[in-house]
ModelCIF file with pLDDT and N, C-alpha, C, O atoms, coordinates in Angstrom:
data_MODEL
#
_entry.id   MODEL 
#
_entity.id                         1 
_entity.type                       polymer 
_entity.pdbx_number_of_molecules   1 
#
_entity_poly.entity_id                      1 
_entity_poly.type                           'polypeptide(L)' 
_entity_poly.nstd_linkage                   no 
_entity_poly.nstd_monomer                   no 
_entity_poly.pdbx_seq_one_letter_code       HLVLAFFTCAAIWMLLEAEFLAITLVLVYVGAVMVLFLFVVMMLDINL 
_entity_poly.pdbx_seq_one_letter_code_can   HLVLAFFTCAAIWMLLEAEFLAITLVLVYVGAVMVLFLFVVMMLDINL 
_entity_poly.pdbx_strand_id                 A 
#
loop_
_entity_poly_seq.entity_id 
_entity_poly_seq.num 
_entity_poly_seq.mon_id 
_entity_poly_seq.hetero 
1 1  HIS n 
1 2  LEU n 
1 3  VAL n 
1 4  LEU n 
1 5  ALA n 
1 6  PHE n 
1 7  PHE n 
1 8  THR n 
1 9  CYS n 
1 10 ALA n 
1 11 ALA n 
1 12 ILE n 
1 13 TRP n 
1 14 MET n 
1 15 LEU n 
1 16 LEU n 
1 17 GLU n 
1 18 ALA n 
1 19 GLU n 
1 20 PHE n 
1 21 LEU n 
1 22 ALA n 
1 23 ILE n 
1 24 THR n 
1 25 LEU n 
1 26 VAL n 
1 27 LEU n 
1 28 VAL n 
1 29 TYR n 
1 30 VAL n 
1 31 GLY n 
1 32 ALA n 
1 33 VAL n 
1 34 MET n 
1 35 VAL n 
1 36 LEU n 
1 37 PHE n 
1 38 LEU n 
1 39 PHE n 
1 40 VAL n 
1 41 VAL n 
1 42 MET n 
1 43 MET n 
1 44 LEU n 
1 45 ASP n 
1 46 ILE n 
1 47 ASN n 
1 48 LEU n 
#
_struct_asym.id          A 
_struct_asym.entity_id   1 
#
loop_
_ma_qa_metric.id 
_ma_qa_metric.mode 
_ma_qa_metric.name 
_ma_qa_metric.software_group_id 
_ma_qa_metric.type 
1 global pLDDT . pLDDT 
2 local  pLDDT . pLDDT 
#
_ma_qa_metric_global.metric_id      1 
_ma_qa_metric_global.metric_value   83.38 
_ma_qa_metric_global.model_id       1 
_ma_qa_metric_global.ordinal_id     1 
#
loop_
_ma_qa_metric_local.label_asym_id 
_ma_qa_metric_local.label_comp_id 
_ma_qa_metric_local.label_seq_id 
_ma_qa_metric_local.metric_id 
_ma_qa_metric_local.metric_value 
_ma_qa_metric_local.model_id 
_ma_qa_metric_local.ordinal_id 
A HIS 1  2 90.00 1 1  
A LEU 2  2 89.00 1 2  
A VAL 3  2 89.00 1 3  
A LEU 4  2 91.00 1 4  
A ALA 5  2 92.00 1 5  
A PHE 6  2 91.00 1 6  
A PHE 7  2 92.00 1 7  
A THR 8  2 94.00 1 8  
A CYS 9  2 92.00 1 9  
A ALA 10 2 92.00 1 10 
A ALA 11 2 92.00 1 11 
A ILE 12 2 92.00 1 12 
A TRP 13 2 89.00 1 13 
A MET 14 2 87.00 1 14 
A LEU 15 2 86.00 1 15 
A LEU 16 2 84.00 1 16 
A GLU 17 2 81.00 1 17 
A ALA 18 2 82.00 1 18 
A GLU 19 2 85.00 1 19 
A PHE 20 2 86.00 1 20 
A LEU 21 2 86.00 1 21 
A ALA 22 2 89.00 1 22 
A ILE 23 2 89.00 1 23 
A THR 24 2 88.00 1 24 
A LEU 25 2 88.00 1 25 
A VAL 26 2 89.00 1 26 
A LEU 27 2 89.00 1 27 
A VAL 28 2 87.00 1 28 
A TYR 29 2 85.00 1 29 
A VAL 30 2 84.00 1 30 
A GLY 31 2 83.00 1 31 
A ALA 32 2 83.00 1 32 
A VAL 33 2 82.00 1 33 
A MET 34 2 82.00 1 34 
A VAL 35 2 81.00 1 35 
A LEU 36 2 82.00 1 36 
A PHE 37 2 80.00 1 37 
A LEU 38 2 78.00 1 38 
A PHE 39 2 79.00 1 39 
A VAL 40 2 77.00 1 40 
A VAL 41 2 75.00 1 41 
A MET 42 2 74.00 1 42 
A MET 43 2 74.00 1 43 
A LEU 44 2 72.00 1 44 
A ASP 45 2 63.00 1 45 
A ILE 46 2 64.00 1 46 
A ASN 47 2 63.00 1 47 
A LEU 48 2 60.00 1 48 
#
loop_
_atom_site.group_PDB 
_atom_site.id 
_atom_site.type_symbol 
_atom_site.label_atom_id 
_atom_site.label_alt_id 
_atom_site.label_comp_id 
_atom_site.label_asym_id 
_atom_site.label_entity_id 
_atom_site.label_seq_id 
_atom_site.pdbx_PDB_ins_code 
_atom_site.Cartn_x 
_atom_site.Cartn_y 
_atom_site.Cartn_z 
_atom_site.occupancy 
_atom_site.B_iso_or_equiv 
_atom_site.pdbx_formal_charge 
_atom_site.auth_seq_id 
_atom_site.auth_comp_id 
_atom_site.auth_asym_id 
_atom_site.auth_atom_id 
_atom_site.pdbx_PDB_model_num 
ATOM 1   N N  . HIS A 1 1  ? 7.529  69.157 74.645 1.00 90.00 ? 1  HIS A N  1 
ATOM 2   C CA . HIS A 1 1  ? 8.165  69.753 73.480 1.00 90.00 ? 1  HIS A CA 1 
ATOM 3   C C  . HIS A 1 1  ? 8.234  68.749 72.335 1.00 90.00 ? 1  HIS A C  1 
ATOM 4   O O  . HIS A 1 1  ? 8.617  69.184 71.249 1.00 90.00 ? 1  HIS A O  1 
ATOM 5   N N  . LEU A 1 2  ? 7.915  67.478 72.437 1.00 89.00 ? 2  LEU A N  1 
ATOM 6   C CA . LEU A 1 2  ? 7.754  66.649 71.218 1.00 89.00 ? 2  LEU A CA 1 
ATOM 7   C C  . LEU A 1 2  ? 6.463  67.017 70.567 1.00 89.00 ? 2  LEU A C  1 
ATOM 8   O O  . LEU A 1 2  ? 6.461  67.163 69.345 1.00 89.00 ? 2  LEU A O  1 
ATOM 9   N N  . VAL A 1 3  ? 5.365  67.181 71.251 1.00 89.00 ? 3  VAL A N  1 
ATOM 10  C CA . VAL A 1 3  ? 4.115  67.692 70.926 1.00 89.00 ? 3  VAL A CA 1 
ATOM 11  C C  . VAL A 1 3  ? 4.373  69.048 70.059 1.00 89.00 ? 3  VAL A C  1 
ATOM 12  O O  . VAL A 1 3  ? 3.702  69.216 69.041 1.00 89.00 ? 3  VAL A O  1 
ATOM 13  N N  . LEU A 1 4  ? 5.203  69.876 70.398 1.00 91.00 ? 4  LEU A N  1 
ATOM 14  C CA . LEU A 1 4  ? 5.447  71.161 69.904 1.00 91.00 ? 4  LEU A CA 1 
ATOM 15  C C  . LEU A 1 4  ? 6.177  70.995 68.698 1.00 91.00 ? 4  LEU A C  1 
ATOM 16  O O  . LEU A 1 4  ? 5.939  71.751 67.756 1.00 91.00 ? 4  LEU A O  1 
ATOM 17  N N  . ALA A 1 5  ? 6.985  70.156 68.609 1.00 92.00 ? 5  ALA A N  1 
ATOM 18  C CA . ALA A 1 5  ? 7.841  69.698 67.560 1.00 92.00 ? 5  ALA A CA 1 
ATOM 19  C C  . ALA A 1 5  ? 6.804  69.100 66.402 1.00 92.00 ? 5  ALA A C  1 
ATOM 20  O O  . ALA A 1 5  ? 6.983  69.442 65.233 1.00 92.00 ? 5  ALA A O  1 
ATOM 21  N N  . PHE A 1 6  ? 5.810  68.277 66.724 1.00 91.00 ? 6  PHE A N  1 
ATOM 22  C CA . PHE A 1 6  ? 5.102  67.795 65.767 1.00 91.00 ? 6  PHE A CA 1 
ATOM 23  C C  . PHE A 1 6  ? 3.955  68.829 65.078 1.00 91.00 ? 6  PHE A C  1 
ATOM 24  O O  . PHE A 1 6  ? 3.544  68.744 63.921 1.00 91.00 ? 6  PHE A O  1 
ATOM 25  N N  . PHE A 1 7  ? 3.609  69.674 65.932 1.00 92.00 ? 7  PHE A N  1 
ATOM 26  C CA . PHE A 1 7  ? 2.731  70.980 65.428 1.00 92.00 ? 7  PHE A CA 1 
ATOM 27  C C  . PHE A 1 7  ? 3.453  71.571 64.542 1.00 92.00 ? 7  PHE A C  1 
ATOM 28  O O  . PHE A 1 7  ? 2.989  71.668 63.406 1.00 92.00 ? 7  PHE A O  1 
ATOM 29  N N  . THR A 1 8  ? 4.646  72.062 64.812 1.00 94.00 ? 8  THR A N  1 
ATOM 30  C CA . THR A 1 8  ? 5.559  72.933 63.755 1.00 94.00 ? 8  THR A CA 1 
ATOM 31  C C  . THR A 1 8  ? 6.057  72.179 62.556 1.00 94.00 ? 8  THR A C  1 
ATOM 32  O O  . THR A 1 8  ? 6.261  72.741 61.480 1.00 94.00 ? 8  THR A O  1 
ATOM 33  N N  . CYS A 1 9  ? 6.255  70.869 62.763 1.00 92.00 ? 9  CYS A N  1 
ATOM 34  C CA . CYS A 1 9  ? 6.461  70.050 61.529 1.00 92.00 ? 9  CYS A CA 1 
ATOM 35  C C  . CYS A 1 9  ? 5.179  69.952 60.530 1.00 92.00 ? 9  CYS A C  1 
ATOM 36  O O  . CYS A 1 9  ? 5.326  69.898 59.309 1.00 92.00 ? 9  CYS A O  1 
ATOM 37  N N  . ALA A 1 10 ? 3.959  69.937 61.142 1.00 92.00 ? 10 ALA A N  1 
ATOM 38  C CA . ALA A 1 10 ? 2.878  70.019 60.481 1.00 92.00 ? 10 ALA A CA 1 
ATOM 39  C C  . ALA A 1 10 ? 2.647  71.453 59.747 1.00 92.00 ? 10 ALA A C  1 
ATOM 40  O O  . ALA A 1 10 ? 2.107  71.573 58.648 1.00 92.00 ? 10 ALA A O  1 
ATOM 41  N N  . ALA A 1 11 ? 3.045  72.302 60.380 1.00 92.00 ? 11 ALA A N  1 
ATOM 42  C CA . ALA A 1 11 ? 2.868  73.793 59.849 1.00 92.00 ? 11 ALA A CA 1 
ATOM 43  C C  . ALA A 1 11 ? 3.853  73.867 58.665 1.00 92.00 ? 11 ALA A C  1 
ATOM 44  O O  . ALA A 1 11 ? 3.487  74.420 57.628 1.00 92.00 ? 11 ALA A O  1 
ATOM 45  N N  . ILE A 1 12 ? 5.177  73.295 58.780 1.00 92.00 ? 12 ILE A N  1 
ATOM 46  C CA . ILE A 1 12 ? 6.096  73.436 57.670 1.00 92.00 ? 12 ILE A CA 1 
ATOM 47  C C  . ILE A 1 12 ? 5.418  72.528 56.411 1.00 92.00 ? 12 ILE A C  1 
ATOM 48  O O  . ILE A 1 12 ? 5.539  72.926 55.252 1.00 92.00 ? 12 ILE A O  1 
ATOM 49  N N  . TRP A 1 13 ? 4.675  71.245 56.738 1.00 89.00 ? 13 TRP A N  1 
ATOM 50  C CA . TRP A 1 13 ? 4.187  70.407 55.697 1.00 89.00 ? 13 TRP A CA 1 
ATOM 51  C C  . TRP A 1 13 ? 3.110  71.263 55.084 1.00 89.00 ? 13 TRP A C  1 
ATOM 52  O O  . TRP A 1 13 ? 3.011  71.251 53.857 1.00 89.00 ? 13 TRP A O  1 
ATOM 53  N N  . MET A 1 14 ? 2.208  72.079 55.873 1.00 87.00 ? 14 MET A N  1 
ATOM 54  C CA . MET A 1 14 ? 1.230  72.884 55.125 1.00 87.00 ? 14 MET A CA 1 
ATOM 55  C C  . MET A 1 14 ? 1.742  73.836 54.259 1.00 87.00 ? 14 MET A C  1 
ATOM 56  O O  . MET A 1 14 ? 1.103  74.094 53.239 1.00 87.00 ? 14 MET A O  1 
ATOM 57  N N  . LEU A 1 15 ? 3.014  74.525 54.542 1.00 86.00 ? 15 LEU A N  1 
ATOM 58  C CA . LEU A 1 15 ? 3.457  75.376 53.666 1.00 86.00 ? 15 LEU A CA 1 
ATOM 59  C C  . LEU A 1 15 ? 3.895  74.545 52.299 1.00 86.00 ? 15 LEU A C  1 
ATOM 60  O O  . LEU A 1 15 ? 3.857  75.122 51.213 1.00 86.00 ? 15 LEU A O  1 
ATOM 61  N N  . LEU A 1 16 ? 4.309  73.174 52.404 1.00 84.00 ? 16 LEU A N  1 
ATOM 62  C CA . LEU A 1 16 ? 4.652  72.576 51.312 1.00 84.00 ? 16 LEU A CA 1 
ATOM 63  C C  . LEU A 1 16 ? 3.336  71.885 50.578 1.00 84.00 ? 16 LEU A C  1 
ATOM 64  O O  . LEU A 1 16 ? 3.491  70.931 49.816 1.00 84.00 ? 16 LEU A O  1 
ATOM 65  N N  . GLU A 1 17 ? 2.203  72.364 50.827 1.00 81.00 ? 17 GLU A N  1 
ATOM 66  C CA . GLU A 1 17 ? 1.059  71.768 50.371 1.00 81.00 ? 17 GLU A CA 1 
ATOM 67  C C  . GLU A 1 17 ? 0.663  70.419 50.373 1.00 81.00 ? 17 GLU A C  1 
ATOM 68  O O  . GLU A 1 17 ? 0.105  69.765 49.492 1.00 81.00 ? 17 GLU A O  1 
ATOM 69  N N  . ALA A 1 18 ? 1.122  70.035 51.757 1.00 82.00 ? 18 ALA A N  1 
ATOM 70  C CA . ALA A 1 18 ? 0.959  68.451 51.884 1.00 82.00 ? 18 ALA A CA 1 
ATOM 71  C C  . ALA A 1 18 ? -0.025 68.459 53.209 1.00 82.00 ? 18 ALA A C  1 
ATOM 72  O O  . ALA A 1 18 ? 0.343  68.129 54.336 1.00 82.00 ? 18 ALA A O  1 
ATOM 73  N N  . GLU A 1 19 ? -1.153 68.835 52.902 1.00 85.00 ? 19 GLU A N  1 
ATOM 74  C CA . GLU A 1 19 ? -2.083 68.899 53.902 1.00 85.00 ? 19 GLU A CA 1 
ATOM 75  C C  . GLU A 1 19 ? -2.602 67.653 54.596 1.00 85.00 ? 19 GLU A C  1 
ATOM 76  O O  . GLU A 1 19 ? -3.125 67.677 55.710 1.00 85.00 ? 19 GLU A O  1 
ATOM 77  N N  . PHE A 1 20 ? -2.416 66.522 53.835 1.00 86.00 ? 20 PHE A N  1 
ATOM 78  C CA . PHE A 1 20 ? -2.923 65.215 54.264 1.00 86.00 ? 20 PHE A CA 1 
ATOM 79  C C  . PHE A 1 20 ? -1.932 64.702 55.353 1.00 86.00 ? 20 PHE A C  1 
ATOM 80  O O  . PHE A 1 20 ? -2.299 64.148 56.389 1.00 86.00 ? 20 PHE A O  1 
ATOM 81  N N  . LEU A 1 21 ? -0.604 64.951 55.000 1.00 86.00 ? 21 LEU A N  1 
ATOM 82  C CA . LEU A 1 21 ? 0.350  64.421 56.046 1.00 86.00 ? 21 LEU A CA 1 
ATOM 83  C C  . LEU A 1 21 ? 0.353  65.337 57.172 1.00 86.00 ? 21 LEU A C  1 
ATOM 84  O O  . LEU A 1 21 ? 0.631  64.855 58.270 1.00 86.00 ? 21 LEU A O  1 
ATOM 85  N N  . ALA A 1 22 ? 0.067  66.694 57.081 1.00 89.00 ? 22 ALA A N  1 
ATOM 86  C CA . ALA A 1 22 ? 0.099  67.574 58.149 1.00 89.00 ? 22 ALA A CA 1 
ATOM 87  C C  . ALA A 1 22 ? -1.023 67.109 59.191 1.00 89.00 ? 22 ALA A C  1 
ATOM 88  O O  . ALA A 1 22 ? -0.782 66.931 60.385 1.00 89.00 ? 22 ALA A O  1 
ATOM 89  N N  . ILE A 1 23 ? -2.207 66.945 58.633 1.00 89.00 ? 23 ILE A N  1 
ATOM 90  C CA . ILE A 1 23 ? -3.404 66.591 59.472 1.00 89.00 ? 23 ILE A CA 1 
ATOM 91  C C  . ILE A 1 23 ? -3.180 65.157 60.096 1.00 89.00 ? 23 ILE A C  1 
ATOM 92  O O  . ILE A 1 23 ? -3.595 64.875 61.220 1.00 89.00 ? 23 ILE A O  1 
ATOM 93  N N  . THR A 1 24 ? -2.513 64.293 59.307 1.00 88.00 ? 24 THR A N  1 
ATOM 94  C CA . THR A 1 24 ? -2.361 62.733 59.841 1.00 88.00 ? 24 THR A CA 1 
ATOM 95  C C  . THR A 1 24 ? -1.314 62.968 61.044 1.00 88.00 ? 24 THR A C  1 
ATOM 96  O O  . THR A 1 24 ? -1.413 62.325 62.089 1.00 88.00 ? 24 THR A O  1 
ATOM 97  N N  . LEU A 1 25 ? -0.369 63.868 60.848 1.00 88.00 ? 25 LEU A N  1 
ATOM 98  C CA . LEU A 1 25 ? 0.482  63.770 61.842 1.00 88.00 ? 25 LEU A CA 1 
ATOM 99  C C  . LEU A 1 25 ? -0.120 64.522 63.203 1.00 88.00 ? 25 LEU A C  1 
ATOM 100 O O  . LEU A 1 25 ? 0.356  64.241 64.302 1.00 88.00 ? 25 LEU A O  1 
ATOM 101 N N  . VAL A 1 26 ? -1.041 65.355 63.084 1.00 89.00 ? 26 VAL A N  1 
ATOM 102 C CA . VAL A 1 26 ? -1.519 66.037 64.182 1.00 89.00 ? 26 VAL A CA 1 
ATOM 103 C C  . VAL A 1 26 ? -2.604 64.907 64.804 1.00 89.00 ? 26 VAL A C  1 
ATOM 104 O O  . VAL A 1 26 ? -2.638 64.560 65.985 1.00 89.00 ? 26 VAL A O  1 
ATOM 105 N N  . LEU A 1 27 ? -3.315 64.511 63.936 1.00 89.00 ? 27 LEU A N  1 
ATOM 106 C CA . LEU A 1 27 ? -4.312 63.589 64.668 1.00 89.00 ? 27 LEU A CA 1 
ATOM 107 C C  . LEU A 1 27 ? -3.846 62.118 65.154 1.00 89.00 ? 27 LEU A C  1 
ATOM 108 O O  . LEU A 1 27 ? -4.418 61.573 66.099 1.00 89.00 ? 27 LEU A O  1 
ATOM 109 N N  . VAL A 1 28 ? -2.831 61.535 64.494 1.00 87.00 ? 28 VAL A N  1 
ATOM 110 C CA . VAL A 1 28 ? -2.423 60.293 64.897 1.00 87.00 ? 28 VAL A CA 1 
ATOM 111 C C  . VAL A 1 28 ? -1.300 60.461 65.873 1.00 87.00 ? 28 VAL A C  1 
ATOM 112 O O  . VAL A 1 28 ? -1.379 59.729 66.859 1.00 87.00 ? 28 VAL A O  1 
ATOM 113 N N  . TYR A 1 29 ? -0.239 61.294 65.808 1.00 85.00 ? 29 TYR A N  1 
ATOM 114 C CA . TYR A 1 29 ? 0.722  61.469 66.557 1.00 85.00 ? 29 TYR A CA 1 
ATOM 115 C C  . TYR A 1 29 ? 0.455  62.195 67.726 1.00 85.00 ? 29 TYR A C  1 
ATOM 116 O O  . TYR A 1 29 ? 0.679  61.667 68.815 1.00 85.00 ? 29 TYR A O  1 
ATOM 117 N N  . VAL A 1 30 ? -0.041 63.458 67.645 1.00 84.00 ? 30 VAL A N  1 
ATOM 118 C CA . VAL A 1 30 ? -0.494 64.310 68.612 1.00 84.00 ? 30 VAL A CA 1 
ATOM 119 C C  . VAL A 1 30 ? -1.685 63.803 69.469 1.00 84.00 ? 30 VAL A C  1 
ATOM 120 O O  . VAL A 1 30 ? -1.745 63.808 70.699 1.00 84.00 ? 30 VAL A O  1 
ATOM 121 N N  . GLY A 1 31 ? -2.620 63.363 68.592 1.00 83.00 ? 31 GLY A N  1 
ATOM 122 C CA . GLY A 1 31 ? -3.938 63.161 69.204 1.00 83.00 ? 31 GLY A CA 1 
ATOM 123 C C  . GLY A 1 31 ? -3.857 61.838 69.901 1.00 83.00 ? 31 GLY A C  1 
ATOM 124 O O  . GLY A 1 31 ? -4.399 61.841 71.006 1.00 83.00 ? 31 GLY A O  1 
ATOM 125 N N  . ALA A 1 32 ? -3.294 60.666 69.512 1.00 83.00 ? 32 ALA A N  1 
ATOM 126 C CA . ALA A 1 32 ? -3.319 59.445 70.032 1.00 83.00 ? 32 ALA A CA 1 
ATOM 127 C C  . ALA A 1 32 ? -1.963 58.910 70.553 1.00 83.00 ? 32 ALA A C  1 
ATOM 128 O O  . ALA A 1 32 ? -1.951 58.317 71.631 1.00 83.00 ? 32 ALA A O  1 
ATOM 129 N N  . VAL A 1 33 ? -0.859 59.079 69.874 1.00 82.00 ? 33 VAL A N  1 
ATOM 130 C CA . VAL A 1 33 ? 0.445  58.616 70.496 1.00 82.00 ? 33 VAL A CA 1 
ATOM 131 C C  . VAL A 1 33 ? 0.835  59.197 71.518 1.00 82.00 ? 33 VAL A C  1 
ATOM 132 O O  . VAL A 1 33 ? 0.988  58.566 72.564 1.00 82.00 ? 33 VAL A O  1 
ATOM 133 N N  . MET A 1 34 ? 1.086  60.565 71.428 1.00 82.00 ? 34 MET A N  1 
ATOM 134 C CA . MET A 1 34 ? 1.590  61.460 72.414 1.00 82.00 ? 34 MET A CA 1 
ATOM 135 C C  . MET A 1 34 ? 0.674  61.589 73.717 1.00 82.00 ? 34 MET A C  1 
ATOM 136 O O  . MET A 1 34 ? 1.141  61.773 74.841 1.00 82.00 ? 34 MET A O  1 
ATOM 137 N N  . VAL A 1 35 ? -0.574 61.481 73.454 1.00 81.00 ? 35 VAL A N  1 
ATOM 138 C CA . VAL A 1 35 ? -1.630 61.314 74.569 1.00 81.00 ? 35 VAL A CA 1 
ATOM 139 C C  . VAL A 1 35 ? -1.082 59.979 75.524 1.00 81.00 ? 35 VAL A C  1 
ATOM 140 O O  . VAL A 1 35 ? -0.731 60.032 76.703 1.00 81.00 ? 35 VAL A O  1 
ATOM 141 N N  . LEU A 1 36 ? -1.121 58.927 74.743 1.00 82.00 ? 36 LEU A N  1 
ATOM 142 C CA . LEU A 1 36 ? -0.758 57.721 75.319 1.00 82.00 ? 36 LEU A CA 1 
ATOM 143 C C  . LEU A 1 36 ? 0.807  57.899 76.059 1.00 82.00 ? 36 LEU A C  1 
ATOM 144 O O  . LEU A 1 36 ? 1.016  57.506 77.206 1.00 82.00 ? 36 LEU A O  1 
ATOM 145 N N  . PHE A 1 37 ? 1.654  58.427 75.370 1.00 80.00 ? 37 PHE A N  1 
ATOM 146 C CA . PHE A 1 37 ? 2.960  58.660 75.981 1.00 80.00 ? 37 PHE A CA 1 
ATOM 147 C C  . PHE A 1 37 ? 2.767  59.437 77.276 1.00 80.00 ? 37 PHE A C  1 
ATOM 148 O O  . PHE A 1 37 ? 3.263  58.937 78.285 1.00 80.00 ? 37 PHE A O  1 
ATOM 149 N N  . LEU A 1 38 ? 2.135  60.554 77.381 1.00 78.00 ? 38 LEU A N  1 
ATOM 150 C CA . LEU A 1 38 ? 1.849  61.302 78.449 1.00 78.00 ? 38 LEU A CA 1 
ATOM 151 C C  . LEU A 1 38 ? 1.162  60.581 79.649 1.00 78.00 ? 38 LEU A C  1 
ATOM 152 O O  . LEU A 1 38 ? 1.535  60.633 80.821 1.00 78.00 ? 38 LEU A O  1 
ATOM 153 N N  . PHE A 1 39 ? 0.191  59.963 79.194 1.00 79.00 ? 39 PHE A N  1 
ATOM 154 C CA . PHE A 1 39 ? -0.502 59.259 80.321 1.00 79.00 ? 39 PHE A CA 1 
ATOM 155 C C  . PHE A 1 39 ? 0.494  58.139 80.800 1.00 79.00 ? 39 PHE A C  1 
ATOM 156 O O  . PHE A 1 39 ? 0.480  57.941 82.015 1.00 79.00 ? 39 PHE A O  1 
ATOM 157 N N  . VAL A 1 40 ? 1.282  57.439 80.114 1.00 77.00 ? 40 VAL A N  1 
ATOM 158 C CA . VAL A 1 40 ? 2.230  56.327 80.713 1.00 77.00 ? 40 VAL A CA 1 
ATOM 159 C C  . VAL A 1 40 ? 3.124  57.189 81.664 1.00 77.00 ? 40 VAL A C  1 
ATOM 160 O O  . VAL A 1 40 ? 3.267  56.912 82.855 1.00 77.00 ? 40 VAL A O  1 
ATOM 161 N N  . VAL A 1 41 ? 3.750  58.318 81.009 1.00 75.00 ? 41 VAL A N  1 
ATOM 162 C CA . VAL A 1 41 ? 4.865  58.848 81.784 1.00 75.00 ? 41 VAL A CA 1 
ATOM 163 C C  . VAL A 1 41 ? 4.319  59.417 83.110 1.00 75.00 ? 41 VAL A C  1 
ATOM 164 O O  . VAL A 1 41 ? 4.980  59.246 84.134 1.00 75.00 ? 41 VAL A O  1 
ATOM 165 N N  . MET A 1 42 ? 3.300  59.998 83.143 1.00 74.00 ? 42 MET A N  1 
ATOM 166 C CA . MET A 1 42 ? 2.551  60.562 84.331 1.00 74.00 ? 42 MET A CA 1 
ATOM 167 C C  . MET A 1 42 ? 2.159  59.519 85.444 1.00 74.00 ? 42 MET A C  1 
ATOM 168 O O  . MET A 1 42 ? 2.288  59.719 86.652 1.00 74.00 ? 42 MET A O  1 
ATOM 169 N N  . MET A 1 43 ? 1.659  58.367 84.856 1.00 74.00 ? 43 MET A N  1 
ATOM 170 C CA . MET A 1 43 ? 1.245  57.324 85.741 1.00 74.00 ? 43 MET A CA 1 
ATOM 171 C C  . MET A 1 43 ? 2.300  56.489 86.337 1.00 74.00 ? 43 MET A C  1 
ATOM 172 O O  . MET A 1 43 ? 2.108  55.891 87.395 1.00 74.00 ? 43 MET A O  1 
ATOM 173 N N  . LEU A 1 44 ? 3.478  56.429 85.645 1.00 72.00 ? 44 LEU A N  1 
ATOM 174 C CA . LEU A 1 44 ? 4.799  55.766 86.233 1.00 72.00 ? 44 LEU A CA 1 
ATOM 175 C C  . LEU A 1 44 ? 5.416  56.606 87.003 1.00 72.00 ? 44 LEU A C  1 
ATOM 176 O O  . LEU A 1 44 ? 5.342  57.825 86.853 1.00 72.00 ? 44 LEU A O  1 
ATOM 177 N N  . ASP A 1 45 ? 6.114  56.004 87.942 1.00 63.00 ? 45 ASP A N  1 
ATOM 178 C CA . ASP A 1 45 ? 6.959  56.690 89.002 1.00 63.00 ? 45 ASP A CA 1 
ATOM 179 C C  . ASP A 1 45 ? 8.403  56.388 88.338 1.00 63.00 ? 45 ASP A C  1 
ATOM 180 O O  . ASP A 1 45 ? 9.002  55.331 88.537 1.00 63.00 ? 45 ASP A O  1 
ATOM 181 N N  . ILE A 1 46 ? 8.898  57.448 87.519 1.00 64.00 ? 46 ILE A N  1 
ATOM 182 C CA . ILE A 1 46 ? 10.129 57.296 86.694 1.00 64.00 ? 46 ILE A CA 1 
ATOM 183 C C  . ILE A 1 46 ? 11.317 57.677 87.704 1.00 64.00 ? 46 ILE A C  1 
ATOM 184 O O  . ILE A 1 46 ? 11.281 58.735 88.333 1.00 64.00 ? 46 ILE A O  1 
ATOM 185 N N  . ASN A 1 47 ? 12.178 56.927 87.804 1.00 63.00 ? 47 ASN A N  1 
ATOM 186 C CA . ASN A 1 47 ? 13.462 57.402 88.578 1.00 63.00 ? 47 ASN A CA 1 
ATOM 187 C C  . ASN A 1 47 ? 14.503 57.999 87.655 1.00 63.00 ? 47 ASN A C  1 
ATOM 188 O O  . ASN A 1 47 ? 15.043 57.334 86.771 1.00 63.00 ? 47 ASN A O  1 
ATOM 189 N N  . LEU A 1 48 ? 14.764 59.248 87.881 1.00 60.00 ? 48 LEU A N  1 
ATOM 190 C CA . LEU A 1 48 ? 15.608 60.058 86.837 1.00 60.00 ? 48 LEU A CA 1 
ATOM 191 C C  . LEU A 1 48 ? 17.057 59.793 87.222 1.00 60.00 ? 48 LEU A C  1 
ATOM 192 O O  . LEU A 1 48 ? 17.971 60.303 86.574 1.00 60.00 ? 48 LEU A O  1 
#
């Protein structure tokens, strides 16, 4: 859901003609940070 929030926020930035911020958000946060988060969350046995 955080990945979905990043994508929709990037779409709103595209509407504001801030293409650089939108592409940076997708590439850095979705492409790198969130992949790392998902990898750590799925590899660890988290007790809820």
